[in-house]
Amino acid sequence: VVSANKSPLAHCNNESKETYWSLQQLAAKNNVMYKHESAVMDGVPIFSLWQYTLPHAKLTSLRGCLNSTTTMILTRMEGNLDESISNGQSFQEALDAAKQMGIVEEDDSLDVDGYDAAVKLRALLVVLTSSVESSQSCNGNTIYIPTMDEIPRDSIRYVNREDICHAYANGRKKYRLVASAKLTQNDQAEGNR
């Protein structure tokens, strides 16, 4: 069974168990495999890389731009920051261009308000910090993984071209929606978006 759906990796089922591990157990019981490589970071084989080439590694933190739609919107808003003439788009123009490309969720707030990045962050935490033996329930994990409600989210909706130009002029910094989590000494994942 192959799925590109990120939701089963990030959410709990009605029995307060990680849906991902329930699906893995169901697949094993039926002598099939549940594969989900393109559910997060579509072109990057993060799950198989972790499982097959880094089996003894311990995850201590995650940090990345997990939503390409917001990166594309912000990049279009930037334009060419090294030119003195403003050639970047407004937020709405960049969002409309992304919609034309077909890369925006039907409800664009899922992308621009950080929900999609938070879902992907939690999916990575569930799969990369857990094992079927040690983490069956959403609240009984060996490593505590925050719920979706506990992961703070930021929006790019109110970032404007002036904000982008000011950040670039003061240190060549660029706006990006970065999802991050780190394990604390108590083996708790603290998620940020």
C-alpha atoms as a PDB file:
ATOM      1  CA  VAL A   1       0.000   0.000   0.000  1.00  0.00           C
ATOM      2  CA  VAL A   2       1.427   3.366  -1.029  1.00  0.00           C
ATOM      3  CA  SER A   3       0.055   6.709   0.123  1.00  0.00           C
ATOM      4  CA  ALA A   4       1.107  10.324  -0.306  1.00  0.00           C
ATOM      5  CA  ASN A   5      -1.373  11.411   2.375  1.00  0.00           C
ATOM      6  CA  LYS A   6       0.399  13.110   5.282  1.00  0.00           C
ATOM      7  CA  SER A   7      -2.585  13.043   7.664  1.00  0.00           C
ATOM      8  CA  PRO A   8      -2.198   9.394   8.795  1.00  0.00           C
ATOM      9  CA  LEU A   9       1.380  10.159   9.780  1.00  0.00           C
ATOM     10  CA  ALA A  10       0.467  13.202  11.840  1.00  0.00           C
ATOM     11  CA  HIS A  11      -2.825  12.471  13.558  1.00  0.00           C
ATOM     12  CA  CYS A  12      -4.209  10.155  16.212  1.00  0.00           C
ATOM     13  CA  ASN A  13      -7.124   7.812  15.640  1.00  0.00           C
ATOM     14  CA  ASN A  14     -10.335   7.571  17.679  1.00  0.00           C
ATOM     15  CA  GLU A  15      -8.588   5.312  20.197  1.00  0.00           C
ATOM     16  CA  SER A  16      -5.903   7.976  20.905  1.00  0.00           C
ATOM     17  CA  LYS A  17      -3.272   5.931  19.095  1.00  0.00           C
ATOM     18  CA  GLU A  18      -0.952   7.214  16.414  1.00  0.00           C
ATOM     19  CA  THR A  19      -2.740   6.408  13.152  1.00  0.00           C
ATOM     20  CA  TYR A  20       0.611   5.761  11.493  1.00  0.00           C
ATOM     21  CA  TRP A  21       1.448   2.846  13.799  1.00  0.00           C
ATOM     22  CA  SER A  22      -2.070   1.430  13.526  1.00  0.00           C
ATOM     23  CA  LEU A  23      -1.679   1.391   9.728  1.00  0.00           C
ATOM     24  CA  GLN A  24       1.770  -0.202   9.982  1.00  0.00           C
ATOM     25  CA  GLN A  25       0.362  -2.954  12.202  1.00  0.00           C
ATOM     26  CA  LEU A  26      -2.607  -3.505   9.888  1.00  0.00           C
ATOM     27  CA  ALA A  27      -0.284  -3.754   6.883  1.00  0.00           C
ATOM     28  CA  ALA A  28       1.970  -6.273   8.659  1.00  0.00           C
ATOM     29  CA  LYS A  29      -1.043  -8.327   9.718  1.00  0.00           C
ATOM     30  CA  ASN A  30      -2.059  -8.543   6.044  1.00  0.00           C
ATOM     31  CA  ASN A  31       1.468  -9.313   4.805  1.00  0.00           C
ATOM     32  CA  VAL A  32       1.805  -6.023   2.930  1.00  0.00           C
ATOM     33  CA  MET A  33       3.828  -2.876   3.503  1.00  0.00           C
ATOM     34  CA  TYR A  34       2.529   0.631   4.162  1.00  0.00           C
ATOM     35  CA  LYS A  35       4.781   3.108   2.327  1.00  0.00           C
ATOM     36  CA  HIS A  36       4.461   6.869   2.595  1.00  0.00           C
ATOM     37  CA  GLU A  37       7.659   8.384   1.196  1.00  0.00           C
ATOM     38  CA  SER A  38       6.025  11.242  -0.707  1.00  0.00           C
ATOM     39  CA  ALA A  39       3.777  12.345   2.172  1.00  0.00           C
ATOM     40  CA  VAL A  40       6.403  14.833   3.395  1.00  0.00           C
ATOM     41  CA  MET A  41       9.155  16.501   1.346  1.00  0.00           C
ATOM     42  CA  ASP A  42       7.862  14.839  -1.812  1.00  0.00           C
ATOM     43  CA  GLY A  43      11.150  14.656  -3.726  1.00  0.00           C
ATOM     44  CA  VAL A  44      13.356  13.792  -0.752  1.00  0.00           C
ATOM     45  CA  PRO A  45      13.406  10.178   0.509  1.00  0.00           C
ATOM     46  CA  ILE A  46      13.598  11.272   4.149  1.00  0.00           C
ATOM     47  CA  PHE A  47      11.804   8.262   5.649  1.00  0.00           C
ATOM     48  CA  SER A  48      13.765   5.561   3.823  1.00  0.00           C
ATOM     49  CA  LEU A  49      17.002   7.516   4.289  1.00  0.00           C
ATOM     50  CA  TRP A  50      16.387   7.535   8.032  1.00  0.00           C
ATOM     51  CA  GLN A  51      15.283   3.894   8.202  1.00  0.00           C
ATOM     52  CA  TYR A  52      17.894   2.281   5.967  1.00  0.00           C
ATOM     53  CA  THR A  53      21.005   4.460   6.122  1.00  0.00           C
ATOM     54  CA  LEU A  54      20.762   5.957   9.607  1.00  0.00           C
ATOM     55  CA  PRO A  55      19.187   3.182  11.684  1.00  0.00           C
ATOM     56  CA  HIS A  56      21.235   3.935  14.817  1.00  0.00           C
ATOM     57  CA  ALA A  57      20.992   7.712  14.650  1.00  0.00           C
ATOM     58  CA  LYS A  58      19.041   9.552  17.320  1.00  0.00           C
ATOM     59  CA  LEU A  59      17.022  12.524  16.242  1.00  0.00           C
ATOM     60  CA  THR A  60      17.767  15.562  18.383  1.00  0.00           C
ATOM     61  CA  SER A  61      16.159  18.288  16.276  1.00  0.00           C
ATOM     62  CA  LEU A  62      14.437  19.083  12.995  1.00  0.00           C
ATOM     63  CA  ARG A  63      14.463  22.350  11.077  1.00  0.00           C
ATOM     64  CA  GLY A  64      13.369  23.094   7.548  1.00  0.00           C
ATOM     65  CA  CYS A  65      11.111  24.811   5.051  1.00  0.00           C
ATOM     66  CA  LEU A  66       8.458  22.109   4.836  1.00  0.00           C
ATOM     67  CA  ASN A  67       5.896  24.033   2.780  1.00  0.00           C
ATOM     68  CA  SER A  68       7.107  24.856  -0.725  1.00  0.00           C
ATOM     69  CA  THR A  69       4.031  26.973  -1.457  1.00  0.00           C
ATOM     70  CA  THR A  70       4.971  29.573   1.156  1.00  0.00           C
ATOM     71  CA  THR A  71       8.574  29.571  -0.056  1.00  0.00           C
ATOM     72  CA  MET A  72       7.392  30.196  -3.614  1.00  0.00           C
ATOM     73  CA  ILE A  73       5.057  32.997  -2.509  1.00  0.00           C
ATOM     74  CA  LEU A  74       7.782  34.729  -0.508  1.00  0.00           C
ATOM     75  CA  THR A  75      10.275  34.313  -3.368  1.00  0.00           C
ATOM     76  CA  ARG A  76       7.856  35.965  -5.812  1.00  0.00           C
ATOM     77  CA  MET A  77       7.320  38.781  -3.314  1.00  0.00           C
ATOM     78  CA  GLU A  78      11.096  39.271  -3.084  1.00  0.00           C
ATOM     79  CA  GLY A  79      11.645  39.694  -6.797  1.00  0.00           C
ATOM     80  CA  ASN A  80      15.268  40.691  -7.369  1.00  0.00           C
ATOM     81  CA  LEU A  81      16.220  42.312  -4.076  1.00  0.00           C
ATOM     82  CA  ASP A  82      19.542  43.545  -5.433  1.00  0.00           C
ATOM     83  CA  GLU A  83      17.854  45.844  -7.955  1.00  0.00           C
ATOM     84  CA  SER A  84      16.898  49.356  -6.921  1.00  0.00           C
ATOM     85  CA  ILE A  85      13.610  49.122  -8.848  1.00  0.00           C
ATOM     86  CA  SER A  86      10.905  47.174  -7.016  1.00  0.00           C
ATOM     87  CA  ASN A  87       9.934  44.161  -9.095  1.00  0.00           C
ATOM     88  CA  GLY A  88       8.471  41.904  -6.440  1.00  0.00           C
ATOM     89  CA  GLN A  89       4.821  40.975  -6.254  1.00  0.00           C
ATOM     90  CA  SER A  90       2.326  41.682  -3.508  1.00  0.00           C
ATOM     91  CA  PHE A  91       1.246  38.815  -1.276  1.00  0.00           C
ATOM     92  CA  GLN A  92      -2.048  38.488  -3.157  1.00  0.00           C
ATOM     93  CA  GLU A  93      -0.328  38.522  -6.572  1.00  0.00           C
ATOM     94  CA  ALA A  94       2.116  35.833  -5.452  1.00  0.00           C
ATOM     95  CA  LEU A  95      -0.689  33.734  -3.917  1.00  0.00           C
ATOM     96  CA  ASP A  96      -2.721  34.032  -7.122  1.00  0.00           C
ATOM     97  CA  ALA A  97       0.311  32.929  -9.170  1.00  0.00           C
ATOM     98  CA  ALA A  98       0.750  29.890  -6.888  1.00  0.00           C
ATOM     99  CA  LYS A  99      -2.933  29.060  -7.338  1.00  0.00           C
ATOM    100  CA  GLN A 100      -2.498  29.282 -11.103  1.00  0.00           C
ATOM    101  CA  MET A 101       0.357  26.761 -10.805  1.00  0.00           C
ATOM    102  CA  GLY A 102      -1.925  24.451  -8.841  1.00  0.00           C
ATOM    103  CA  ILE A 103       0.334  24.196  -5.787  1.00  0.00           C
ATOM    104  CA  VAL A 104      -1.945  25.785  -3.171  1.00  0.00           C
ATOM    105  CA  GLU A 105      -4.221  23.718  -0.943  1.00  0.00           C
ATOM    106  CA  GLU A 106      -7.915  24.197  -1.757  1.00  0.00           C
ATOM    107  CA  ASP A 107      -8.152  26.147   1.495  1.00  0.00           C
ATOM    108  CA  ASP A 108      -5.137  28.440   1.090  1.00  0.00           C
ATOM    109  CA  SER A 109      -5.040  29.149   4.833  1.00  0.00           C
ATOM    110  CA  LEU A 110      -3.651  25.615   5.325  1.00  0.00           C
ATOM    111  CA  ASP A 111      -0.519  26.737   3.464  1.00  0.00           C
ATOM    112  CA  VAL A 112      -0.129  30.417   4.306  1.00  0.00           C
ATOM    113  CA  ASP A 113      -1.125  30.179   7.973  1.00  0.00           C
ATOM    114  CA  GLY A 114       1.331  27.394   8.783  1.00  0.00           C
ATOM    115  CA  TYR A 115      -0.980  24.395   9.270  1.00  0.00           C
ATOM    116  CA  ASP A 116       0.535  22.320   6.449  1.00  0.00           C
ATOM    117  CA  ALA A 117       4.061  22.879   7.779  1.00  0.00           C
ATOM    118  CA  ALA A 118       2.922  21.902  11.294  1.00  0.00           C
ATOM    119  CA  VAL A 119       1.296  18.686   9.994  1.00  0.00           C
ATOM    120  CA  LYS A 120       4.495  17.771   8.150  1.00  0.00           C
ATOM    121  CA  LEU A 121       6.602  18.569  11.221  1.00  0.00           C
ATOM    122  CA  ARG A 122       4.449  16.316  13.406  1.00  0.00           C
ATOM    123  CA  ALA A 123       4.510  13.562  10.769  1.00  0.00           C
ATOM    124  CA  LEU A 124       8.306  13.663  10.743  1.00  0.00           C
ATOM    125  CA  LEU A 125       8.396  13.542  14.545  1.00  0.00           C
ATOM    126  CA  VAL A 126       5.996  10.584  14.725  1.00  0.00           C
ATOM    127  CA  VAL A 127       7.897   8.507  12.190  1.00  0.00           C
ATOM    128  CA  LEU A 128      11.494   9.496  12.944  1.00  0.00           C
ATOM    129  CA  THR A 129      11.396   9.460  16.760  1.00  0.00           C
ATOM    130  CA  SER A 130       9.155   6.464  17.308  1.00  0.00           C
ATOM    131  CA  SER A 131       9.176   2.741  16.957  1.00  0.00           C
ATOM    132  CA  VAL A 132       6.209   0.410  16.821  1.00  0.00           C
ATOM    133  CA  GLU A 133       7.380  -1.249  20.019  1.00  0.00           C
ATOM    134  CA  SER A 134       7.721   1.916  22.061  1.00  0.00           C
ATOM    135  CA  SER A 135       5.064   4.293  20.859  1.00  0.00           C
ATOM    136  CA  GLN A 136       1.581   3.154  20.285  1.00  0.00           C
ATOM    137  CA  SER A 137      -0.485   5.897  21.871  1.00  0.00           C
ATOM    138  CA  CYS A 138      -0.607   9.616  21.352  1.00  0.00           C
ATOM    139  CA  ASN A 139      -0.036  10.298  25.027  1.00  0.00           C
ATOM    140  CA  GLY A 140       2.038   7.263  26.001  1.00  0.00           C
ATOM    141  CA  ASN A 141       4.999   7.715  23.679  1.00  0.00           C
ATOM    142  CA  THR A 142       8.465   7.114  25.034  1.00  0.00           C
ATOM    143  CA  ILE A 143       9.185  10.469  23.445  1.00  0.00           C
ATOM    144  CA  TYR A 144       6.406  12.980  23.917  1.00  0.00           C
ATOM    145  CA  ILE A 145       5.285  14.354  20.567  1.00  0.00           C
ATOM    146  CA  PRO A 146       3.164  17.504  20.767  1.00  0.00           C
ATOM    147  CA  THR A 147      -0.356  17.349  19.407  1.00  0.00           C
ATOM    148  CA  MET A 148      -1.324  19.499  16.445  1.00  0.00           C
ATOM    149  CA  ASP A 149      -2.946  21.962  18.851  1.00  0.00           C
ATOM    150  CA  GLU A 150       0.315  22.255  20.807  1.00  0.00           C
ATOM    151  CA  ILE A 151       2.452  23.151  17.788  1.00  0.00           C
ATOM    152  CA  PRO A 152       2.534  26.942  17.392  1.00  0.00           C
ATOM    153  CA  ARG A 153       1.997  28.250  13.869  1.00  0.00           C
ATOM    154  CA  ASP A 154       2.887  31.480  12.107  1.00  0.00           C
ATOM    155  CA  SER A 155       1.317  33.008   9.036  1.00  0.00           C
ATOM    156  CA  ILE A 156       2.969  34.682   6.075  1.00  0.00           C
ATOM    157  CA  ARG A 157      -0.345  36.372   5.233  1.00  0.00           C
ATOM    158  CA  TYR A 158       0.690  39.700   6.755  1.00  0.00           C
ATOM    159  CA  VAL A 159       4.254  39.831   5.452  1.00  0.00           C
ATOM    160  CA  ASN A 160       4.540  42.625   2.915  1.00  0.00           C
ATOM    161  CA  ARG A 161       7.132  43.713   0.393  1.00  0.00           C
ATOM    162  CA  GLU A 162       8.438  46.426   2.753  1.00  0.00           C
ATOM    163  CA  ASP A 163       9.091  43.821   5.473  1.00  0.00           C
ATOM    164  CA  ILE A 164      10.977  41.694   2.956  1.00  0.00           C
ATOM    165  CA  CYS A 165      13.087  44.592   1.659  1.00  0.00           C
ATOM    166  CA  HIS A 166      13.869  45.800   5.199  1.00  0.00           C
ATOM    167  CA  ALA A 167      15.062  42.349   6.318  1.00  0.00           C
ATOM    168  CA  TYR A 168      17.224  42.002   3.213  1.00  0.00           C
ATOM    169  CA  ALA A 169      18.720  45.489   3.626  1.00  0.00           C
ATOM    170  CA  ASN A 170      19.597  44.674   7.256  1.00  0.00           C
ATOM    171  CA  GLY A 171      21.782  41.621   6.797  1.00  0.00           C
ATOM    172  CA  ARG A 172      20.577  40.086   3.541  1.00  0.00           C
ATOM    173  CA  LYS A 173      18.020  38.026   5.462  1.00  0.00           C
ATOM    174  CA  LYS A 174      14.998  36.490   3.777  1.00  0.00           C
ATOM    175  CA  TYR A 175      11.586  35.596   5.118  1.00  0.00           C
ATOM    176  CA  ARG A 176      10.812  31.871   5.149  1.00  0.00           C
ATOM    177  CA  LEU A 177       8.278  29.754   7.001  1.00  0.00           C
ATOM    178  CA  VAL A 178      10.604  27.428   8.936  1.00  0.00           C
ATOM    179  CA  ALA A 179       9.263  24.478  10.898  1.00  0.00           C
ATOM    180  CA  SER A 180      11.428  23.265  13.750  1.00  0.00           C
ATOM    181  CA  ALA A 181      11.415  20.942  16.718  1.00  0.00           C
ATOM    182  CA  LYS A 182      14.025  19.844  19.199  1.00  0.00           C
ATOM    183  CA  LEU A 183      14.051  17.164  21.824  1.00  0.00           C
ATOM    184  CA  THR A 184      14.484  18.421  25.347  1.00  0.00           C
ATOM    185  CA  GLN A 185      16.399  16.613  28.077  1.00  0.00           C
ATOM    186  CA  ASN A 186      13.101  15.001  29.087  1.00  0.00           C
ATOM    187  CA  ASP A 187      12.744  13.484  25.585  1.00  0.00           C
ATOM    188  CA  GLN A 188       9.941  15.821  24.683  1.00  0.00           C
ATOM    189  CA  ALA A 189       9.698  17.194  21.176  1.00  0.00           C
ATOM    190  CA  GLU A 190       8.985  20.903  21.188  1.00  0.00           C
ATOM    191  CA  GLY A 191       7.525  21.924  17.854  1.00  0.00           C
ATOM    192  CA  ASN A 192       7.566  25.373  16.346  1.00  0.00           C
ATOM    193  CA  ARG A 193       6.327  26.623  13.055  1.00  0.00           C
END
